[in-house]
Amino acid sequence: MIGLDTTILVRYLAQDDPVQSAAATEIIERRLTEDNPGFISIVAMVETVWVLDRAYGLAAAEIAAIGLRPEGR
């Protein structure tokens, strides 16, 4: 099981840094499998929402909709 922290989640969702976003995408899209799933703690989830709100200015509805998009971001 791979623990996904706030940095990985934010970089994957925001795709705002060429190097770090590529690394986050590699982990989430290629290294996670049914046999090797990812784990997101409630703390990482709350921090991710806070960063998307405060640093990226996303509205609550936009943040909630991220998880509903077919492609995930």
PDB file of N, CA and C in Angstrom:
ATOM      1  N   MET A   1       0.846  -1.169   0.000  1.00  0.00           N
ATOM      2  CA  MET A   1       0.000   0.000   0.000  1.00  0.00           C
ATOM      3  C   MET A   1       0.899   1.242   0.000  1.00  0.00           C
ATOM      4  N   ILE A   2       0.526   2.195  -0.839  1.00  0.00           N
ATOM      5  CA  ILE A   2       1.285   3.428  -0.958  1.00  0.00           C
ATOM      6  C   ILE A   2       0.484   4.557  -0.321  1.00  0.00           C
ATOM      7  N   GLY A   3       1.087   5.237   0.642  1.00  0.00           N
ATOM      8  CA  GLY A   3       0.448   6.396   1.260  1.00  0.00           C
ATOM      9  C   GLY A   3       0.592   7.616   0.360  1.00  0.00           C
ATOM     10  N   LEU A   4      -0.520   8.267   0.086  1.00  0.00           N
ATOM     11  CA  LEU A   4      -0.507   9.464  -0.758  1.00  0.00           C
ATOM     12  C   LEU A   4      -0.660  10.691   0.127  1.00  0.00           C
ATOM     13  N   ASP A   5       0.351  11.545   0.121  1.00  0.00           N
ATOM     14  CA  ASP A   5       0.281  12.735   0.963  1.00  0.00           C
ATOM     15  C   ASP A   5      -0.296  13.920   0.195  1.00  0.00           C
ATOM     16  N   THR A   6      -0.436  15.022   0.890  1.00  0.00           N
ATOM     17  CA  THR A   6      -1.037  16.224   0.319  1.00  0.00           C
ATOM     18  C   THR A   6      -0.297  16.700  -0.924  1.00  0.00           C
ATOM     19  N   THR A   7       1.008  16.682  -0.889  1.00  0.00           N
ATOM     20  CA  THR A   7       1.793  17.164  -2.026  1.00  0.00           C
ATOM     21  C   THR A   7       1.500  16.351  -3.282  1.00  0.00           C
ATOM     22  N   ILE A   8       1.464  15.051  -3.145  1.00  0.00           N
ATOM     23  CA  ILE A   8       1.176  14.210  -4.312  1.00  0.00           C
ATOM     24  C   ILE A   8      -0.225  14.511  -4.843  1.00  0.00           C
ATOM     25  N   LEU A   9      -1.191  14.610  -3.951  1.00  0.00           N
ATOM     26  CA  LEU A   9      -2.564  14.862  -4.381  1.00  0.00           C
ATOM     27  C   LEU A   9      -2.710  16.215  -5.064  1.00  0.00           C
ATOM     28  N   VAL A  10      -2.137  17.256  -4.458  1.00  0.00           N
ATOM     29  CA  VAL A  10      -2.257  18.597  -5.037  1.00  0.00           C
ATOM     30  C   VAL A  10      -1.539  18.679  -6.376  1.00  0.00           C
ATOM     31  N   ARG A  11      -0.339  18.143  -6.459  1.00  0.00           N
ATOM     32  CA  ARG A  11       0.397  18.189  -7.731  1.00  0.00           C
ATOM     33  C   ARG A  11      -0.333  17.420  -8.816  1.00  0.00           C
ATOM     34  N   TYR A  12      -0.932  16.297  -8.476  1.00  0.00           N
ATOM     35  CA  TYR A  12      -1.683  15.515  -9.453  1.00  0.00           C
ATOM     36  C   TYR A  12      -2.918  16.281  -9.927  1.00  0.00           C
ATOM     37  N   LEU A  13      -3.642  16.866  -9.004  1.00  0.00           N
ATOM     38  CA  LEU A  13      -4.871  17.572  -9.362  1.00  0.00           C
ATOM     39  C   LEU A  13      -4.605  18.895 -10.073  1.00  0.00           C
ATOM     40  N   ALA A  14      -3.616  19.644  -9.603  1.00  0.00           N
ATOM     41  CA  ALA A  14      -3.347  20.974 -10.155  1.00  0.00           C
ATOM     42  C   ALA A  14      -2.502  20.923 -11.436  1.00  0.00           C
ATOM     43  N   GLN A  15      -1.648  19.924 -11.558  1.00  0.00           N
ATOM     44  CA  GLN A  15      -0.741  19.812 -12.707  1.00  0.00           C
ATOM     45  C   GLN A  15      -0.039  21.155 -12.963  1.00  0.00           C
ATOM     46  N   ASP A  16       0.540  21.707 -11.902  1.00  0.00           N
ATOM     47  CA  ASP A  16       1.116  23.055 -11.971  1.00  0.00           C
ATOM     48  C   ASP A  16       2.643  23.099 -11.942  1.00  0.00           C
ATOM     49  N   ASP A  17       3.284  21.969 -11.780  1.00  0.00           N
ATOM     50  CA  ASP A  17       4.745  21.923 -11.743  1.00  0.00           C
ATOM     51  C   ASP A  17       5.185  20.760 -12.626  1.00  0.00           C
ATOM     52  N   PRO A  18       5.926  21.045 -13.699  1.00  0.00           N
ATOM     53  CA  PRO A  18       6.250  19.982 -14.657  1.00  0.00           C
ATOM     54  C   PRO A  18       6.917  18.748 -14.049  1.00  0.00           C
ATOM     55  N   VAL A  19       7.845  18.942 -13.153  1.00  0.00           N
ATOM     56  CA  VAL A  19       8.574  17.810 -12.583  1.00  0.00           C
ATOM     57  C   VAL A  19       7.743  17.099 -11.518  1.00  0.00           C
ATOM     58  N   GLN A  20       7.242  17.861 -10.544  1.00  0.00           N
ATOM     59  CA  GLN A  20       6.501  17.237  -9.447  1.00  0.00           C
ATOM     60  C   GLN A  20       5.160  16.665  -9.905  1.00  0.00           C
ATOM     61  N   SER A  21       4.494  17.348 -10.819  1.00  0.00           N
ATOM     62  CA  SER A  21       3.218  16.836 -11.322  1.00  0.00           C
ATOM     63  C   SER A  21       3.415  15.544 -12.104  1.00  0.00           C
ATOM     64  N   ALA A  22       4.492  15.473 -12.867  1.00  0.00           N
ATOM     65  CA  ALA A  22       4.797  14.243 -13.606  1.00  0.00           C
ATOM     66  C   ALA A  22       5.063  13.088 -12.650  1.00  0.00           C
ATOM     67  N   ALA A  23       5.789  13.361 -11.575  1.00  0.00           N
ATOM     68  CA  ALA A  23       6.067  12.316 -10.585  1.00  0.00           C
ATOM     69  C   ALA A  23       4.786  11.857  -9.893  1.00  0.00           C
ATOM     70  N   ALA A  24       3.921  12.801  -9.541  1.00  0.00           N
ATOM     71  CA  ALA A  24       2.647  12.459  -8.899  1.00  0.00           C
ATOM     72  C   ALA A  24       1.767  11.650  -9.841  1.00  0.00           C
ATOM     73  N   THR A  25       1.746  12.022 -11.106  1.00  0.00           N
ATOM     74  CA  THR A  25       0.954  11.296 -12.095  1.00  0.00           C
ATOM     75  C   THR A  25       1.485   9.882 -12.270  1.00  0.00           C
ATOM     76  N   GLU A  26       2.785   9.735 -12.296  1.00  0.00           N
ATOM     77  CA  GLU A  26       3.410   8.405 -12.393  1.00  0.00           C
ATOM     78  C   GLU A  26       2.949   7.515 -11.239  1.00  0.00           C
ATOM     79  N   ILE A  27       2.975   8.036 -10.042  1.00  0.00           N
ATOM     80  CA  ILE A  27       2.575   7.255  -8.870  1.00  0.00           C
ATOM     81  C   ILE A  27       1.096   6.878  -8.955  1.00  0.00           C
ATOM     82  N   ILE A  28       0.251   7.860  -9.175  1.00  0.00           N
ATOM     83  CA  ILE A  28      -1.198   7.624  -9.131  1.00  0.00           C
ATOM     84  C   ILE A  28      -1.700   6.802 -10.315  1.00  0.00           C
ATOM     85  N   GLU A  29      -1.213   7.092 -11.493  1.00  0.00           N
ATOM     86  CA  GLU A  29      -1.759   6.419 -12.680  1.00  0.00           C
ATOM     87  C   GLU A  29      -1.040   5.128 -13.063  1.00  0.00           C
ATOM     88  N   ARG A  30       0.190   4.947 -12.610  1.00  0.00           N
ATOM     89  CA  ARG A  30       0.933   3.776 -13.065  1.00  0.00           C
ATOM     90  C   ARG A  30       1.359   2.830 -11.951  1.00  0.00           C
ATOM     91  N   ARG A  31       1.649   3.356 -10.776  1.00  0.00           N
ATOM     92  CA  ARG A  31       2.155   2.498  -9.705  1.00  0.00           C
ATOM     93  C   ARG A  31       1.059   1.934  -8.813  1.00  0.00           C
ATOM     94  N   LEU A  32      -0.077   2.607  -8.756  1.00  0.00           N
ATOM     95  CA  LEU A  32      -1.172   2.091  -7.944  1.00  0.00           C
ATOM     96  C   LEU A  32      -1.937   1.030  -8.730  1.00  0.00           C
ATOM     97  N   THR A  33      -2.216  -0.078  -8.074  1.00  0.00           N
ATOM     98  CA  THR A  33      -2.953  -1.171  -8.693  1.00  0.00           C
ATOM     99  C   THR A  33      -3.908  -1.758  -7.662  1.00  0.00           C
ATOM    100  N   GLU A  34      -4.715  -2.716  -8.092  1.00  0.00           N
ATOM    101  CA  GLU A  34      -5.576  -3.414  -7.146  1.00  0.00           C
ATOM    102  C   GLU A  34      -4.747  -4.135  -6.096  1.00  0.00           C
ATOM    103  N   ASP A  35      -3.624  -4.686  -6.515  1.00  0.00           N
ATOM    104  CA  ASP A  35      -2.757  -5.407  -5.583  1.00  0.00           C
ATOM    105  C   ASP A  35      -1.894  -4.475  -4.742  1.00  0.00           C
ATOM    106  N   ASN A  36      -1.684  -3.263  -5.213  1.00  0.00           N
ATOM    107  CA  ASN A  36      -0.864  -2.279  -4.511  1.00  0.00           C
ATOM    108  C   ASN A  36      -1.622  -0.945  -4.491  1.00  0.00           C
ATOM    109  N   PRO A  37      -2.687  -0.869  -3.674  1.00  0.00           N
ATOM    110  CA  PRO A  37      -3.544   0.320  -3.682  1.00  0.00           C
ATOM    111  C   PRO A  37      -2.902   1.503  -2.965  1.00  0.00           C
ATOM    112  N   GLY A  38      -3.498   2.665  -3.173  1.00  0.00           N
ATOM    113  CA  GLY A  38      -3.081   3.863  -2.471  1.00  0.00           C
ATOM    114  C   GLY A  38      -3.942   4.085  -1.242  1.00  0.00           C
ATOM    115  N   PHE A  39      -3.411   4.826  -0.310  1.00  0.00           N
ATOM    116  CA  PHE A  39      -4.137   5.178   0.908  1.00  0.00           C
ATOM    117  C   PHE A  39      -4.051   6.680   1.097  1.00  0.00           C
ATOM    118  N   ILE A  40      -5.193   7.313   1.342  1.00  0.00           N
ATOM    119  CA  ILE A  40      -5.236   8.742   1.630  1.00  0.00           C
ATOM    120  C   ILE A  40      -5.821   8.913   3.023  1.00  0.00           C
ATOM    121  N   SER A  41      -5.028   9.474   3.922  1.00  0.00           N
ATOM    122  CA  SER A  41      -5.525   9.703   5.282  1.00  0.00           C
ATOM    123  C   SER A  41      -6.515  10.861   5.284  1.00  0.00           C
ATOM    124  N   ILE A  42      -7.332  10.929   6.296  1.00  0.00           N
ATOM    125  CA  ILE A  42      -8.276  12.033   6.418  1.00  0.00           C
ATOM    126  C   ILE A  42      -7.537  13.360   6.535  1.00  0.00           C
ATOM    127  N   VAL A  43      -6.371  13.357   7.165  1.00  0.00           N
ATOM    128  CA  VAL A  43      -5.571  14.584   7.292  1.00  0.00           C
ATOM    129  C   VAL A  43      -5.117  15.062   5.914  1.00  0.00           C
ATOM    130  N   ALA A  44      -4.620  14.143   5.087  1.00  0.00           N
ATOM    131  CA  ALA A  44      -4.187  14.517   3.732  1.00  0.00           C
ATOM    132  C   ALA A  44      -5.370  15.020   2.913  1.00  0.00           C
ATOM    133  N   MET A  45      -6.531  14.414   3.089  1.00  0.00           N
ATOM    134  CA  MET A  45      -7.722  14.848   2.358  1.00  0.00           C
ATOM    135  C   MET A  45      -8.114  16.273   2.761  1.00  0.00           C
ATOM    136  N   VAL A  46      -8.135  16.543   4.046  1.00  0.00           N
ATOM    137  CA  VAL A  46      -8.502  17.879   4.531  1.00  0.00           C
ATOM    138  C   VAL A  46      -7.478  18.912   4.090  1.00  0.00           C
ATOM    139  N   GLU A  47      -6.203  18.579   4.185  1.00  0.00           N
ATOM    140  CA  GLU A  47      -5.161  19.506   3.741  1.00  0.00           C
ATOM    141  C   GLU A  47      -5.276  19.800   2.247  1.00  0.00           C
ATOM    142  N   THR A  48      -5.584  18.787   1.463  1.00  0.00           N
ATOM    143  CA  THR A  48      -5.730  18.974   0.012  1.00  0.00           C
ATOM    144  C   THR A  48      -6.873  19.927  -0.293  1.00  0.00           C
ATOM    145  N   VAL A  49      -7.994  19.745   0.370  1.00  0.00           N
ATOM    146  CA  VAL A  49      -9.133  20.650   0.183  1.00  0.00           C
ATOM    147  C   VAL A  49      -8.737  22.062   0.582  1.00  0.00           C
ATOM    148  N   TRP A  50      -8.034  22.218   1.694  1.00  0.00           N
ATOM    149  CA  TRP A  50      -7.617  23.546   2.166  1.00  0.00           C
ATOM    150  C   TRP A  50      -6.701  24.208   1.124  1.00  0.00           C
ATOM    151  N   VAL A  51      -5.735  23.469   0.590  1.00  0.00           N
ATOM    152  CA  VAL A  51      -4.809  24.034  -0.400  1.00  0.00           C
ATOM    153  C   VAL A  51      -5.553  24.422  -1.671  1.00  0.00           C
ATOM    154  N   LEU A  52      -6.442  23.560  -2.138  1.00  0.00           N
ATOM    155  CA  LEU A  52      -7.190  23.879  -3.354  1.00  0.00           C
ATOM    156  C   LEU A  52      -8.065  25.113  -3.162  1.00  0.00           C
ATOM    157  N   ASP A  53      -8.589  25.283  -1.961  1.00  0.00           N
ATOM    158  CA  ASP A  53      -9.403  26.458  -1.639  1.00  0.00           C
ATOM    159  C   ASP A  53      -8.542  27.707  -1.497  1.00  0.00           C
ATOM    160  N   ARG A  54      -7.573  27.671  -0.603  1.00  0.00           N
ATOM    161  CA  ARG A  54      -6.779  28.858  -0.261  1.00  0.00           C
ATOM    162  C   ARG A  54      -5.741  29.237  -1.305  1.00  0.00           C
ATOM    163  N   ALA A  55      -4.991  28.270  -1.779  1.00  0.00           N
ATOM    164  CA  ALA A  55      -3.898  28.579  -2.701  1.00  0.00           C
ATOM    165  C   ALA A  55      -4.347  28.668  -4.162  1.00  0.00           C
ATOM    166  N   TYR A  56      -5.350  27.874  -4.521  1.00  0.00           N
ATOM    167  CA  TYR A  56      -5.780  27.838  -5.918  1.00  0.00           C
ATOM    168  C   TYR A  56      -7.114  28.533  -6.149  1.00  0.00           C
ATOM    169  N   GLY A  57      -7.779  28.939  -5.068  1.00  0.00           N
ATOM    170  CA  GLY A  57      -9.009  29.703  -5.175  1.00  0.00           C
ATOM    171  C   GLY A  57     -10.206  28.945  -5.732  1.00  0.00           C
ATOM    172  N   LEU A  58     -10.193  27.624  -5.607  1.00  0.00           N
ATOM    173  CA  LEU A  58     -11.328  26.848  -6.100  1.00  0.00           C
ATOM    174  C   LEU A  58     -12.496  26.936  -5.118  1.00  0.00           C
ATOM    175  N   ALA A  59     -13.688  27.009  -5.649  1.00  0.00           N
ATOM    176  CA  ALA A  59     -14.892  27.020  -4.829  1.00  0.00           C
ATOM    177  C   ALA A  59     -15.171  25.602  -4.330  1.00  0.00           C
ATOM    178  N   ALA A  60     -15.963  25.508  -3.272  1.00  0.00           N
ATOM    179  CA  ALA A  60     -16.289  24.202  -2.689  1.00  0.00           C
ATOM    180  C   ALA A  60     -16.897  23.263  -3.728  1.00  0.00           C
ATOM    181  N   ALA A  61     -17.778  23.776  -4.572  1.00  0.00           N
ATOM    182  CA  ALA A  61     -18.410  22.938  -5.601  1.00  0.00           C
ATOM    183  C   ALA A  61     -17.377  22.426  -6.605  1.00  0.00           C
ATOM    184  N   GLU A  62     -16.385  23.247  -6.936  1.00  0.00           N
ATOM    185  CA  GLU A  62     -15.333  22.819  -7.866  1.00  0.00           C
ATOM    186  C   GLU A  62     -14.484  21.714  -7.246  1.00  0.00           C
ATOM    187  N   ILE A  63     -14.161  21.875  -5.962  1.00  0.00           N
ATOM    188  CA  ILE A  63     -13.358  20.875  -5.271  1.00  0.00           C
ATOM    189  C   ILE A  63     -14.132  19.559  -5.184  1.00  0.00           C
ATOM    190  N   ALA A  64     -15.399  19.653  -4.842  1.00  0.00           N
ATOM    191  CA  ALA A  64     -16.228  18.438  -4.743  1.00  0.00           C
ATOM    192  C   ALA A  64     -16.357  17.750  -6.087  1.00  0.00           C
ATOM    193  N   ALA A  65     -16.423  18.513  -7.165  1.00  0.00           N
ATOM    194  CA  ALA A  65     -16.603  17.948  -8.501  1.00  0.00           C
ATOM    195  C   ALA A  65     -15.361  17.231  -9.017  1.00  0.00           C
ATOM    196  N   ILE A  66     -14.209  17.523  -8.466  1.00  0.00           N
ATOM    197  CA  ILE A  66     -12.973  16.885  -8.917  1.00  0.00           C
ATOM    198  C   ILE A  66     -13.090  15.373  -8.841  1.00  0.00           C
ATOM    199  N   GLY A  67     -13.641  14.862  -7.762  1.00  0.00           N
ATOM    200  CA  GLY A  67     -13.776  13.421  -7.591  1.00  0.00           C
ATOM    201  C   GLY A  67     -14.823  12.802  -8.492  1.00  0.00           C
ATOM    202  N   LEU A  68     -15.657  13.616  -9.112  1.00  0.00           N
ATOM    203  CA  LEU A  68     -16.718  13.095  -9.966  1.00  0.00           C
ATOM    204  C   LEU A  68     -16.336  13.063 -11.435  1.00  0.00           C
ATOM    205  N   ARG A  69     -15.236  13.686 -11.780  1.00  0.00           N
ATOM    206  CA  ARG A  69     -14.802  13.722 -13.186  1.00  0.00           C
ATOM    207  C   ARG A  69     -14.291  12.340 -13.592  1.00  0.00           C
ATOM    208  N   PRO A  70     -14.644  11.896 -14.786  1.00  0.00           N
ATOM    209  CA  PRO A  70     -14.211  10.571 -15.231  1.00  0.00           C
ATOM    210  C   PRO A  70     -12.693  10.398 -15.223  1.00  0.00           C
ATOM    211  N   GLU A  71     -11.963  11.434 -15.594  1.00  0.00           N
ATOM    212  CA  GLU A  71     -10.510  11.312 -15.648  1.00  0.00           C
ATOM    213  C   GLU A  71      -9.843  11.574 -14.314  1.00  0.00           C
ATOM    214  N   GLY A  72     -10.600  11.996 -13.293  1.00  0.00           N
ATOM    215  CA  GLY A  72     -10.048  12.178 -11.967  1.00  0.00           C
ATOM    216  C   GLY A  72      -9.454  13.531 -11.684  1.00  0.00           C
ATOM    217  N   ARG A  73      -9.191  14.321 -12.714  1.00  0.00           N
ATOM    218  CA  ARG A  73      -8.668  15.656 -12.457  1.00  0.00           C
ATOM    219  C   ARG A  73      -9.308  16.623 -13.394  1.00  0.00           C
TER     220      ARG A  73
END
